[in-house]
Amino acid sequence: MNAKKTARSERWPRPPRGQAMIEYSLVTHFLLIGGSLALMPVMSTLFDSLSKFYESIFLVLMTGAV
């Protein structure tokens, strides 16, 4: 029963792992949250410009210029 488990642990001890993945995840989350917080004041301007862009596309399509 325990022969398989003890044979594995005695022959190949498992190396510590996971620290690099946790650090990568934390850095990624900080950049994502920090970037979104930095863009909050500009967000309304970006949405207004996007709506103007779509309005201009629809205006061109409706006038038959294409």
PDB file of N, CA and C in Angstrom:
ATOM      1  N   MET A   1       0.818  -1.183   0.000  1.00  0.00           N
ATOM      2  CA  MET A   1       0.000   0.000   0.000  1.00  0.00           C
ATOM      3  C   MET A   1       0.873   1.263   0.000  1.00  0.00           C
ATOM      4  N   ASN A   2       1.718   1.379   0.987  1.00  0.00           N
ATOM      5  CA  ASN A   2       2.543   2.567   1.109  1.00  0.00           C
ATOM      6  C   ASN A   2       3.849   2.463   0.338  1.00  0.00           C
ATOM      7  N   ALA A   3       4.122   1.310  -0.269  1.00  0.00           N
ATOM      8  CA  ALA A   3       5.395   1.122  -0.972  1.00  0.00           C
ATOM      9  C   ALA A   3       5.508   2.074  -2.151  1.00  0.00           C
ATOM     10  N   LYS A   4       4.420   2.286  -2.870  1.00  0.00           N
ATOM     11  CA  LYS A   4       4.459   3.167  -4.026  1.00  0.00           C
ATOM     12  C   LYS A   4       4.684   4.623  -3.608  1.00  0.00           C
ATOM     13  N   LYS A   5       4.035   5.035  -2.548  1.00  0.00           N
ATOM     14  CA  LYS A   5       4.149   6.416  -2.087  1.00  0.00           C
ATOM     15  C   LYS A   5       5.539   6.694  -1.509  1.00  0.00           C
ATOM     16  N   THR A   6       6.049   5.787  -0.682  1.00  0.00           N
ATOM     17  CA  THR A   6       7.357   6.010  -0.071  1.00  0.00           C
ATOM     18  C   THR A   6       8.474   5.876  -1.090  1.00  0.00           C
ATOM     19  N   ALA A   7       8.315   4.997  -2.067  1.00  0.00           N
ATOM     20  CA  ALA A   7       9.355   4.843  -3.088  1.00  0.00           C
ATOM     21  C   ALA A   7       9.479   6.124  -3.903  1.00  0.00           C
ATOM     22  N   ARG A   8       8.390   6.747  -4.224  1.00  0.00           N
ATOM     23  CA  ARG A   8       8.422   8.003  -4.993  1.00  0.00           C
ATOM     24  C   ARG A   8       9.074   9.107  -4.183  1.00  0.00           C
ATOM     25  N   SER A   9       8.686   9.258  -2.919  1.00  0.00           N
ATOM     26  CA  SER A   9       9.204  10.358  -2.115  1.00  0.00           C
ATOM     27  C   SER A   9      10.670  10.159  -1.753  1.00  0.00           C
ATOM     28  N   GLU A  10      11.130   8.927  -1.648  1.00  0.00           N
ATOM     29  CA  GLU A  10      12.527   8.693  -1.311  1.00  0.00           C
ATOM     30  C   GLU A  10      13.433   8.863  -2.531  1.00  0.00           C
ATOM     31  N   ARG A  11      12.955   8.479  -3.702  1.00  0.00           N
ATOM     32  CA  ARG A  11      13.802   8.563  -4.891  1.00  0.00           C
ATOM     33  C   ARG A  11      13.860   9.972  -5.464  1.00  0.00           C
ATOM     34  N   TRP A  12      12.723  10.619  -5.617  1.00  0.00           N
ATOM     35  CA  TRP A  12      12.673  11.948  -6.236  1.00  0.00           C
ATOM     36  C   TRP A  12      11.913  12.911  -5.321  1.00  0.00           C
ATOM     37  N   PRO A  13      12.619  13.578  -4.477  1.00  0.00           N
ATOM     38  CA  PRO A  13      11.899  14.560  -3.657  1.00  0.00           C
ATOM     39  C   PRO A  13      11.372  15.693  -4.534  1.00  0.00           C
ATOM     40  N   ARG A  14      10.196  16.108  -4.244  1.00  0.00           N
ATOM     41  CA  ARG A  14       9.535  17.136  -5.062  1.00  0.00           C
ATOM     42  C   ARG A  14      10.155  18.505  -4.774  1.00  0.00           C
ATOM     43  N   PRO A  15      10.629  19.201  -5.809  1.00  0.00           N
ATOM     44  CA  PRO A  15      11.226  20.524  -5.579  1.00  0.00           C
ATOM     45  C   PRO A  15      10.148  21.557  -5.251  1.00  0.00           C
ATOM     46  N   PRO A  16      10.493  22.578  -4.493  1.00  0.00           N
ATOM     47  CA  PRO A  16       9.508  23.627  -4.217  1.00  0.00           C
ATOM     48  C   PRO A  16       9.188  24.397  -5.486  1.00  0.00           C
ATOM     49  N   ARG A  17       7.943  24.722  -5.660  1.00  0.00           N
ATOM     50  CA  ARG A  17       7.532  25.434  -6.861  1.00  0.00           C
ATOM     51  C   ARG A  17       6.307  26.265  -6.560  1.00  0.00           C
ATOM     52  N   GLY A  18       5.991  27.143  -7.488  1.00  0.00           N
ATOM     53  CA  GLY A  18       4.792  27.941  -7.343  1.00  0.00           C
ATOM     54  C   GLY A  18       5.057  29.389  -6.996  1.00  0.00           C
ATOM     55  N   GLN A  19       6.230  29.725  -6.481  1.00  0.00           N
ATOM     56  CA  GLN A  19       6.488  31.096  -6.074  1.00  0.00           C
ATOM     57  C   GLN A  19       6.539  32.027  -7.281  1.00  0.00           C
ATOM     58  N   ALA A  20       7.162  31.597  -8.362  1.00  0.00           N
ATOM     59  CA  ALA A  20       7.258  32.445  -9.553  1.00  0.00           C
ATOM     60  C   ALA A  20       5.880  32.694 -10.150  1.00  0.00           C
ATOM     61  N   MET A  21       5.010  31.705 -10.117  1.00  0.00           N
ATOM     62  CA  MET A  21       3.675  31.875 -10.677  1.00  0.00           C
ATOM     63  C   MET A  21       2.858  32.848  -9.827  1.00  0.00           C
ATOM     64  N   ILE A  22       3.022  32.791  -8.528  1.00  0.00           N
ATOM     65  CA  ILE A  22       2.307  33.715  -7.648  1.00  0.00           C
ATOM     66  C   ILE A  22       2.803  35.143  -7.873  1.00  0.00           C
ATOM     67  N   GLU A  23       4.128  35.303  -8.008  1.00  0.00           N
ATOM     68  CA  GLU A  23       4.672  36.636  -8.260  1.00  0.00           C
ATOM     69  C   GLU A  23       4.190  37.177  -9.598  1.00  0.00           C
ATOM     70  N   TYR A  24       4.184  36.329 -10.619  1.00  0.00           N
ATOM     71  CA  TYR A  24       3.710  36.743 -11.934  1.00  0.00           C
ATOM     72  C   TYR A  24       2.246  37.168 -11.873  1.00  0.00           C
ATOM     73  N   SER A  25       1.454  36.409 -11.155  1.00  0.00           N
ATOM     74  CA  SER A  25       0.035  36.720 -11.031  1.00  0.00           C
ATOM     75  C   SER A  25      -0.181  38.041 -10.292  1.00  0.00           C
ATOM     76  N   LEU A  26       0.565  38.267  -9.228  1.00  0.00           N
ATOM     77  CA  LEU A  26       0.418  39.511  -8.475  1.00  0.00           C
ATOM     78  C   LEU A  26       0.829  40.725  -9.306  1.00  0.00           C
ATOM     79  N   VAL A  27       1.941  40.614 -10.016  1.00  0.00           N
ATOM     80  CA  VAL A  27       2.390  41.724 -10.856  1.00  0.00           C
ATOM     81  C   VAL A  27       1.366  42.010 -11.947  1.00  0.00           C
ATOM     82  N   THR A  28       0.830  40.974 -12.556  1.00  0.00           N
ATOM     83  CA  THR A  28      -0.166  41.147 -13.609  1.00  0.00           C
ATOM     84  C   THR A  28      -1.427  41.814 -13.063  1.00  0.00           C
ATOM     85  N   HIS A  29      -1.889  41.387 -11.903  1.00  0.00           N
ATOM     86  CA  HIS A  29      -3.085  41.986 -11.315  1.00  0.00           C
ATOM     87  C   HIS A  29      -2.857  43.441 -10.923  1.00  0.00           C
ATOM     88  N   PHE A  30      -1.681  43.744 -10.378  1.00  0.00           N
ATOM     89  CA  PHE A  30      -1.391  45.136 -10.025  1.00  0.00           C
ATOM     90  C   PHE A  30      -1.359  46.016 -11.262  1.00  0.00           C
ATOM     91  N   LEU A  31      -0.765  45.519 -12.354  1.00  0.00           N
ATOM     92  CA  LEU A  31      -0.729  46.304 -13.585  1.00  0.00           C
ATOM     93  C   LEU A  31      -2.129  46.491 -14.162  1.00  0.00           C
ATOM     94  N   LEU A  32      -2.937  45.444 -14.127  1.00  0.00           N
ATOM     95  CA  LEU A  32      -4.290  45.530 -14.667  1.00  0.00           C
ATOM     96  C   LEU A  32      -5.147  46.501 -13.857  1.00  0.00           C
ATOM     97  N   ILE A  33      -5.107  46.356 -12.535  1.00  0.00           N
ATOM     98  CA  ILE A  33      -5.913  47.235 -11.681  1.00  0.00           C
ATOM     99  C   ILE A  33      -5.379  48.666 -11.719  1.00  0.00           C
ATOM    100  N   GLY A  34      -4.060  48.809 -11.679  1.00  0.00           N
ATOM    101  CA  GLY A  34      -3.472  50.144 -11.730  1.00  0.00           C
ATOM    102  C   GLY A  34      -3.749  50.843 -13.050  1.00  0.00           C
ATOM    103  N   GLY A  35      -3.682  50.080 -14.146  1.00  0.00           N
ATOM    104  CA  GLY A  35      -3.975  50.665 -15.448  1.00  0.00           C
ATOM    105  C   GLY A  35      -5.417  51.085 -15.582  1.00  0.00           C
ATOM    106  N   SER A  36      -6.311  50.274 -15.064  1.00  0.00           N
ATOM    107  CA  SER A  36      -7.733  50.645 -15.155  1.00  0.00           C
ATOM    108  C   SER A  36      -8.050  51.839 -14.256  1.00  0.00           C
ATOM    109  N   LEU A  37      -7.397  51.931 -13.102  1.00  0.00           N
ATOM    110  CA  LEU A  37      -7.617  53.089 -12.234  1.00  0.00           C
ATOM    111  C   LEU A  37      -7.015  54.355 -12.842  1.00  0.00           C
ATOM    112  N   ALA A  38      -5.912  54.205 -13.553  1.00  0.00           N
ATOM    113  CA  ALA A  38      -5.297  55.372 -14.179  1.00  0.00           C
ATOM    114  C   ALA A  38      -6.145  55.880 -15.341  1.00  0.00           C
ATOM    115  N   LEU A  39      -6.903  55.004 -15.983  1.00  0.00           N
ATOM    116  CA  LEU A  39      -7.730  55.398 -17.123  1.00  0.00           C
ATOM    117  C   LEU A  39      -9.120  55.889 -16.739  1.00  0.00           C
ATOM    118  N   MET A  40      -9.480  55.802 -15.471  1.00  0.00           N
ATOM    119  CA  MET A  40     -10.819  56.214 -15.059  1.00  0.00           C
ATOM    120  C   MET A  40     -11.152  57.659 -15.411  1.00  0.00           C
ATOM    121  N   PRO A  41     -10.263  58.638 -15.200  1.00  0.00           N
ATOM    122  CA  PRO A  41     -10.620  60.016 -15.557  1.00  0.00           C
ATOM    123  C   PRO A  41     -10.778  60.222 -17.061  1.00  0.00           C
ATOM    124  N   VAL A  42     -10.125  59.404 -17.864  1.00  0.00           N
ATOM    125  CA  VAL A  42     -10.134  59.580 -19.312  1.00  0.00           C
ATOM    126  C   VAL A  42     -11.241  58.760 -19.969  1.00  0.00           C
ATOM    127  N   MET A  43     -11.861  57.870 -19.198  1.00  0.00           N
ATOM    128  CA  MET A  43     -12.802  56.911 -19.772  1.00  0.00           C
ATOM    129  C   MET A  43     -13.994  57.580 -20.435  1.00  0.00           C
ATOM    130  N   SER A  44     -14.551  58.621 -19.870  1.00  0.00           N
ATOM    131  CA  SER A  44     -15.715  59.271 -20.480  1.00  0.00           C
ATOM    132  C   SER A  44     -15.335  59.911 -21.814  1.00  0.00           C
ATOM    133  N   THR A  45     -14.142  60.484 -21.896  1.00  0.00           N
ATOM    134  CA  THR A  45     -13.688  61.062 -23.157  1.00  0.00           C
ATOM    135  C   THR A  45     -13.507  59.987 -24.217  1.00  0.00           C
ATOM    136  N   LEU A  46     -12.976  58.832 -23.812  1.00  0.00           N
ATOM    137  CA  LEU A  46     -12.787  57.738 -24.766  1.00  0.00           C
ATOM    138  C   LEU A  46     -14.128  57.222 -25.289  1.00  0.00           C
ATOM    139  N   PHE A  47     -15.122  57.090 -24.400  1.00  0.00           N
ATOM    140  CA  PHE A  47     -16.435  56.618 -24.841  1.00  0.00           C
ATOM    141  C   PHE A  47     -17.129  57.655 -25.730  1.00  0.00           C
ATOM    142  N   ASP A  48     -16.965  58.943 -25.427  1.00  0.00           N
ATOM    143  CA  ASP A  48     -17.543  59.979 -26.285  1.00  0.00           C
ATOM    144  C   ASP A  48     -16.922  59.953 -27.673  1.00  0.00           C
ATOM    145  N   SER A  49     -15.604  59.800 -27.742  1.00  0.00           N
ATOM    146  CA  SER A  49     -14.947  59.758 -29.048  1.00  0.00           C
ATOM    147  C   SER A  49     -15.344  58.504 -29.826  1.00  0.00           C
ATOM    148  N   LEU A  50     -15.538  57.389 -29.137  1.00  0.00           N
ATOM    149  CA  LEU A  50     -15.980  56.171 -29.813  1.00  0.00           C
ATOM    150  C   LEU A  50     -17.385  56.334 -30.380  1.00  0.00           C
ATOM    151  N   SER A  51     -18.273  56.968 -29.628  1.00  0.00           N
ATOM    152  CA  SER A  51     -19.632  57.167 -30.133  1.00  0.00           C
ATOM    153  C   SER A  51     -19.633  58.134 -31.315  1.00  0.00           C
ATOM    154  N   LYS A  52     -18.805  59.173 -31.291  1.00  0.00           N
ATOM    155  CA  LYS A  52     -18.691  60.083 -32.445  1.00  0.00           C
ATOM    156  C   LYS A  52     -18.158  59.346 -33.669  1.00  0.00           C
ATOM    157  N   PHE A  53     -17.227  58.450 -33.462  1.00  0.00           N
ATOM    158  CA  PHE A  53     -16.673  57.664 -34.567  1.00  0.00           C
ATOM    159  C   PHE A  53     -17.760  56.816 -35.222  1.00  0.00           C
ATOM    160  N   TYR A  54     -18.554  56.112 -34.403  1.00  0.00           N
ATOM    161  CA  TYR A  54     -19.629  55.298 -34.961  1.00  0.00           C
ATOM    162  C   TYR A  54     -20.711  56.150 -35.621  1.00  0.00           C
ATOM    163  N   GLU A  55     -21.000  57.304 -35.055  1.00  0.00           N
ATOM    164  CA  GLU A  55     -21.977  58.200 -35.681  1.00  0.00           C
ATOM    165  C   GLU A  55     -21.497  58.644 -37.057  1.00  0.00           C
ATOM    166  N   SER A  56     -20.208  58.917 -37.204  1.00  0.00           N
ATOM    167  CA  SER A  56     -19.694  59.339 -38.505  1.00  0.00           C
ATOM    168  C   SER A  56     -19.745  58.199 -39.511  1.00  0.00           C
ATOM    169  N   ILE A  57     -19.482  56.973 -39.060  1.00  0.00           N
ATOM    170  CA  ILE A  57     -19.577  55.822 -39.973  1.00  0.00           C
ATOM    171  C   ILE A  57     -21.017  55.652 -40.441  1.00  0.00           C
ATOM    172  N   PHE A  58     -21.992  55.726 -39.522  1.00  0.00           N
ATOM    173  CA  PHE A  58     -23.389  55.570 -39.905  1.00  0.00           C
ATOM    174  C   PHE A  58     -23.858  56.702 -40.801  1.00  0.00           C
ATOM    175  N   LEU A  59     -23.351  57.907 -40.579  1.00  0.00           N
ATOM    176  CA  LEU A  59     -23.718  59.045 -41.435  1.00  0.00           C
ATOM    177  C   LEU A  59     -23.245  58.811 -42.869  1.00  0.00           C
ATOM    178  N   VAL A  60     -22.019  58.324 -43.015  1.00  0.00           N
ATOM    179  CA  VAL A  60     -21.498  58.043 -44.354  1.00  0.00           C
ATOM    180  C   VAL A  60     -22.308  56.934 -45.025  1.00  0.00           C
ATOM    181  N   LEU A  61     -22.667  55.893 -44.250  1.00  0.00           N
ATOM    182  CA  LEU A  61     -23.440  54.792 -44.834  1.00  0.00           C
ATOM    183  C   LEU A  61     -24.845  55.228 -45.226  1.00  0.00           C
ATOM    184  N   MET A  62     -25.465  56.070 -44.406  1.00  0.00           N
ATOM    185  CA  MET A  62     -26.833  56.486 -44.673  1.00  0.00           C
ATOM    186  C   MET A  62     -26.935  57.477 -45.850  1.00  0.00           C
ATOM    187  N   THR A  63     -25.898  58.275 -46.042  1.00  0.00           N
ATOM    188  CA  THR A  63     -25.946  59.227 -47.170  1.00  0.00           C
ATOM    189  C   THR A  63     -25.642  58.554 -48.490  1.00  0.00           C
ATOM    190  N   GLY A  64     -25.178  57.339 -48.467  1.00  0.00           N
ATOM    191  CA  GLY A  64     -24.903  56.607 -49.685  1.00  0.00           C
ATOM    192  C   GLY A  64     -23.589  56.988 -50.341  1.00  0.00           C
ATOM    193  N   ALA A  65     -22.660  57.507 -49.584  1.00  0.00           N
ATOM    194  CA  ALA A  65     -21.379  57.905 -50.138  1.00  0.00           C
ATOM    195  C   ALA A  65     -20.506  56.712 -50.482  1.00  0.00           C
ATOM    196  N   VAL A  66     -20.826  55.568 -49.957  1.00  0.00           N
ATOM    197  CA  VAL A  66     -19.998  54.380 -50.231  1.00  0.00           C
ATOM    198  C   VAL A  66     -20.657  53.536 -51.278  1.00  0.00           C
TER     199      VAL A  66
END
